[in-house]
Amino acid sequence: MKDYVAVAETTIDASTTDVWRALTDPALIERYMFGSKVTTDWRPGSSIVWKGEYDGKEYEDRGEIVEVEPEHRLVVTHSSPSNGSESHHTVTYELEQVDGRTRLTLEQDGNATAEAAEHSRANWETMLAGLKEVVEAT
């Protein structure tokens, strides 16, 4: 059963407008998401594709845009083939304005174990740290 949820969070010294732009602008995504090139139109029901190289191996992950509430909430599915098997997740980004800053909370479901959820959380924490750095530098 895959019911473990990975949760990562950061607070960014920027508006929700600036953080939203970083979440949805492919040029900015590439800067903080390990060089991943993202293709989508950000409309619910549309596909999303992430392409890049990770640990020396090329990858192409796919998903669907589930929900878009600009500057507040973004939900996407994510499928990643790895080692001959396919993993499926839903990733939810929640943005909240707090004292002129943005709290960004990310949840990823579909983790088979607590250890897998912890591994995912650590990866997302790294990504969010990169996003924070990109947003605060612009």
C-alpha atoms as a PDB file:
ATOM      1  CA  MET A   1       0.000   0.000   0.000  1.00  0.00           C
ATOM      2  CA  LYS A   2       1.329   3.435  -0.964  1.00  0.00           C
ATOM      3  CA  ASP A   3      -0.003   5.808   1.654  1.00  0.00           C
ATOM      4  CA  TYR A   4       3.110   7.558   2.954  1.00  0.00           C
ATOM      5  CA  VAL A   5       3.244  11.282   2.187  1.00  0.00           C
ATOM      6  CA  ALA A   6       6.459  13.270   1.925  1.00  0.00           C
ATOM      7  CA  VAL A   7       6.133  16.872   3.126  1.00  0.00           C
ATOM      8  CA  ALA A   8       8.678  19.635   2.558  1.00  0.00           C
ATOM      9  CA  GLU A   9       8.336  23.310   3.373  1.00  0.00           C
ATOM     10  CA  THR A  10      10.233  26.566   3.045  1.00  0.00           C
ATOM     11  CA  THR A  11       9.607  30.244   3.623  1.00  0.00           C
ATOM     12  CA  ILE A  12      10.762  32.556   0.848  1.00  0.00           C
ATOM     13  CA  ASP A  13      11.427  36.259   1.224  1.00  0.00           C
ATOM     14  CA  ALA A  14       9.225  37.142  -1.759  1.00  0.00           C
ATOM     15  CA  SER A  15       5.601  37.566  -2.783  1.00  0.00           C
ATOM     16  CA  THR A  16       3.385  34.679  -3.820  1.00  0.00           C
ATOM     17  CA  THR A  17       3.455  36.242  -7.303  1.00  0.00           C
ATOM     18  CA  ASP A  18       7.235  35.810  -7.515  1.00  0.00           C
ATOM     19  CA  VAL A  19       7.162  32.284  -6.090  1.00  0.00           C
ATOM     20  CA  TRP A  20       4.341  31.276  -8.454  1.00  0.00           C
ATOM     21  CA  ARG A  21       6.354  32.559 -11.400  1.00  0.00           C
ATOM     22  CA  ALA A  22       9.291  30.408 -10.308  1.00  0.00           C
ATOM     23  CA  LEU A  23       7.021  27.356 -10.048  1.00  0.00           C
ATOM     24  CA  THR A  24       5.602  27.830 -13.544  1.00  0.00           C
ATOM     25  CA  ASP A  25       8.339  29.465 -15.658  1.00  0.00           C
ATOM     26  CA  PRO A  26      10.328  26.719 -17.435  1.00  0.00           C
ATOM     27  CA  ALA A  27      13.497  28.861 -17.544  1.00  0.00           C
ATOM     28  CA  LEU A  28      13.390  29.327 -13.771  1.00  0.00           C
ATOM     29  CA  ILE A  29      12.432  25.691 -13.099  1.00  0.00           C
ATOM     30  CA  GLU A  30      15.520  24.567 -14.994  1.00  0.00           C
ATOM     31  CA  ARG A  31      17.687  26.660 -12.643  1.00  0.00           C
ATOM     32  CA  TYR A  32      16.524  25.004  -9.423  1.00  0.00           C
ATOM     33  CA  MET A  33      15.151  21.597 -10.439  1.00  0.00           C
ATOM     34  CA  PHE A  34      18.424  19.907 -11.294  1.00  0.00           C
ATOM     35  CA  GLY A  35      18.453  21.251 -14.882  1.00  0.00           C
ATOM     36  CA  SER A  36      15.071  19.743 -15.715  1.00  0.00           C
ATOM     37  CA  LYS A  37      13.432  21.076 -18.879  1.00  0.00           C
ATOM     38  CA  VAL A  38       9.667  21.312 -18.360  1.00  0.00           C
ATOM     39  CA  THR A  39       7.056  21.367 -21.110  1.00  0.00           C
ATOM     40  CA  THR A  40       3.381  22.132 -20.372  1.00  0.00           C
ATOM     41  CA  ASP A  41       0.746  24.826 -20.838  1.00  0.00           C
ATOM     42  CA  TRP A  42      -0.251  24.766 -17.126  1.00  0.00           C
ATOM     43  CA  ARG A  43      -3.930  24.052 -17.853  1.00  0.00           C
ATOM     44  CA  PRO A  44      -5.817  21.364 -15.905  1.00  0.00           C
ATOM     45  CA  GLY A  45      -5.949  18.155 -17.925  1.00  0.00           C
ATOM     46  CA  SER A  46      -2.817  19.029 -19.917  1.00  0.00           C
ATOM     47  CA  SER A  47       0.300  16.906 -19.894  1.00  0.00           C
ATOM     48  CA  ILE A  48       3.551  17.920 -18.253  1.00  0.00           C
ATOM     49  CA  VAL A  49       6.954  16.494 -19.189  1.00  0.00           C
ATOM     50  CA  TRP A  50      10.233  16.843 -17.289  1.00  0.00           C
ATOM     51  CA  LYS A  51      13.408  15.971 -19.233  1.00  0.00           C
ATOM     52  CA  GLY A  52      16.950  16.046 -18.041  1.00  0.00           C
ATOM     53  CA  GLU A  53      19.864  14.123 -16.647  1.00  0.00           C
ATOM     54  CA  TYR A  54      20.175  12.856 -13.090  1.00  0.00           C
ATOM     55  CA  ASP A  55      23.161  10.932 -11.727  1.00  0.00           C
ATOM     56  CA  GLY A  56      24.544  10.662 -15.265  1.00  0.00           C
ATOM     57  CA  LYS A  57      21.368   9.138 -16.722  1.00  0.00           C
ATOM     58  CA  GLU A  58      18.872  10.805 -19.006  1.00  0.00           C
ATOM     59  CA  TYR A  59      15.263  10.758 -17.895  1.00  0.00           C
ATOM     60  CA  GLU A  60      11.831  11.765 -19.162  1.00  0.00           C
ATOM     61  CA  ASP A  61       9.153  11.927 -16.486  1.00  0.00           C
ATOM     62  CA  ARG A  62       5.519  12.562 -17.327  1.00  0.00           C
ATOM     63  CA  GLY A  63       2.385  13.707 -15.592  1.00  0.00           C
ATOM     64  CA  GLU A  64      -0.765  15.745 -15.819  1.00  0.00           C
ATOM     65  CA  ILE A  65      -1.781  19.152 -14.544  1.00  0.00           C
ATOM     66  CA  VAL A  66      -4.588  18.471 -12.059  1.00  0.00           C
ATOM     67  CA  GLU A  67      -5.316  21.835 -10.464  1.00  0.00           C
ATOM     68  CA  VAL A  68      -4.116  25.405 -10.981  1.00  0.00           C
ATOM     69  CA  GLU A  69      -5.037  28.214  -8.630  1.00  0.00           C
ATOM     70  CA  PRO A  70      -2.503  30.943  -9.517  1.00  0.00           C
ATOM     71  CA  GLU A  71      -0.410  32.139  -6.597  1.00  0.00           C
ATOM     72  CA  HIS A  72      -2.130  29.678  -4.215  1.00  0.00           C
ATOM     73  CA  ARG A  73      -2.149  26.028  -5.319  1.00  0.00           C
ATOM     74  CA  LEU A  74      -0.697  23.786  -8.004  1.00  0.00           C
ATOM     75  CA  VAL A  75      -1.351  20.036  -8.224  1.00  0.00           C
ATOM     76  CA  VAL A  76       0.341  17.734 -10.744  1.00  0.00           C
ATOM     77  CA  THR A  77       0.707  14.014 -11.166  1.00  0.00           C
ATOM     78  CA  HIS A  78       4.174  12.605 -11.754  1.00  0.00           C
ATOM     79  CA  SER A  79       5.291   9.278 -13.192  1.00  0.00           C
ATOM     80  CA  SER A  80       8.922   8.301 -13.275  1.00  0.00           C
ATOM     81  CA  PRO A  81      10.227   5.080 -14.760  1.00  0.00           C
ATOM     82  CA  SER A  82      13.193   3.867 -12.734  1.00  0.00           C
ATOM     83  CA  ASN A  83      14.971   0.535 -12.682  1.00  0.00           C
ATOM     84  CA  GLY A  84      12.306  -0.973 -14.908  1.00  0.00           C
ATOM     85  CA  SER A  85       9.401  -0.030 -12.641  1.00  0.00           C
ATOM     86  CA  GLU A  86       7.131   2.987 -12.704  1.00  0.00           C
ATOM     87  CA  SER A  87       6.419   5.224  -9.721  1.00  0.00           C
ATOM     88  CA  HIS A  88       3.289   7.385  -9.601  1.00  0.00           C
ATOM     89  CA  HIS A  89       2.777  10.387  -7.346  1.00  0.00           C
ATOM     90  CA  THR A  90       0.627  13.441  -6.900  1.00  0.00           C
ATOM     91  CA  VAL A  91       2.602  16.559  -5.996  1.00  0.00           C
ATOM     92  CA  THR A  92       0.767  19.467  -4.383  1.00  0.00           C
ATOM     93  CA  TYR A  93       2.276  22.930  -3.935  1.00  0.00           C
ATOM     94  CA  GLU A  94       0.501  25.293  -1.503  1.00  0.00           C
ATOM     95  CA  LEU A  95       1.518  28.965  -1.292  1.00  0.00           C
ATOM     96  CA  GLU A  96       0.561  31.183   1.624  1.00  0.00           C
ATOM     97  CA  GLN A  97       1.475  34.843   2.164  1.00  0.00           C
ATOM     98  CA  VAL A  98       2.776  35.328   5.723  1.00  0.00           C
ATOM     99  CA  ASP A  99       4.127  38.692   6.892  1.00  0.00           C
ATOM    100  CA  GLY A 100       5.228  39.715   3.387  1.00  0.00           C
ATOM    101  CA  ARG A 101       6.908  36.371   2.746  1.00  0.00           C
ATOM    102  CA  THR A 102       5.651  33.187   1.103  1.00  0.00           C
ATOM    103  CA  ARG A 103       5.342  29.861   2.879  1.00  0.00           C
ATOM    104  CA  LEU A 104       5.563  27.101   0.289  1.00  0.00           C
ATOM    105  CA  THR A 105       4.461  23.625   1.354  1.00  0.00           C
ATOM    106  CA  LEU A 106       4.928  20.653  -0.945  1.00  0.00           C
ATOM    107  CA  GLU A 107       3.338  17.233  -0.479  1.00  0.00           C
ATOM    108  CA  GLN A 108       4.068  14.105  -2.509  1.00  0.00           C
ATOM    109  CA  ASP A 109       1.923  11.022  -2.035  1.00  0.00           C
ATOM    110  CA  GLY A 110       2.430   7.510  -3.355  1.00  0.00           C
ATOM    111  CA  ASN A 111       5.435   6.525  -1.242  1.00  0.00           C
ATOM    112  CA  ALA A 112       5.422   2.812  -0.423  1.00  0.00           C
ATOM    113  CA  THR A 113       7.261   3.105   2.905  1.00  0.00           C
ATOM    114  CA  ALA A 114       8.165   5.658   5.548  1.00  0.00           C
ATOM    115  CA  GLU A 115      11.776   5.407   4.340  1.00  0.00           C
ATOM    116  CA  ALA A 116      10.727   6.189   0.760  1.00  0.00           C
ATOM    117  CA  ALA A 117       8.732   9.188   1.988  1.00  0.00           C
ATOM    118  CA  GLU A 118      11.760  10.429   3.942  1.00  0.00           C
ATOM    119  CA  HIS A 119      13.983  10.049   0.857  1.00  0.00           C
ATOM    120  CA  SER A 120      11.444  12.007  -1.207  1.00  0.00           C
ATOM    121  CA  ARG A 121      11.185  14.681   1.494  1.00  0.00           C
ATOM    122  CA  ALA A 122      14.961  15.133   1.479  1.00  0.00           C
ATOM    123  CA  ASN A 123      15.011  15.467  -2.332  1.00  0.00           C
ATOM    124  CA  TRP A 124      12.174  18.011  -2.235  1.00  0.00           C
ATOM    125  CA  GLU A 125      13.937  19.977   0.533  1.00  0.00           C
ATOM    126  CA  THR A 126      16.969  20.275  -1.756  1.00  0.00           C
ATOM    127  CA  MET A 127      14.776  21.431  -4.640  1.00  0.00           C
ATOM    128  CA  LEU A 128      12.949  23.962  -2.449  1.00  0.00           C
ATOM    129  CA  ALA A 129      16.266  25.364  -1.197  1.00  0.00           C
ATOM    130  CA  GLY A 130      17.252  25.925  -4.836  1.00  0.00           C
ATOM    131  CA  LEU A 131      13.896  27.535  -5.618  1.00  0.00           C
ATOM    132  CA  LYS A 132      14.275  29.840  -2.599  1.00  0.00           C
ATOM    133  CA  GLU A 133      17.745  30.855  -3.766  1.00  0.00           C
ATOM    134  CA  VAL A 134      16.555  31.578  -7.324  1.00  0.00           C
ATOM    135  CA  VAL A 135      13.519  33.591  -6.202  1.00  0.00           C
ATOM    136  CA  GLU A 136      15.362  35.625  -3.595  1.00  0.00           C
ATOM    137  CA  ALA A 137      18.148  36.447  -6.083  1.00  0.00           C
ATOM    138  CA  THR A 138      15.749  37.859  -8.694  1.00  0.00           C
END
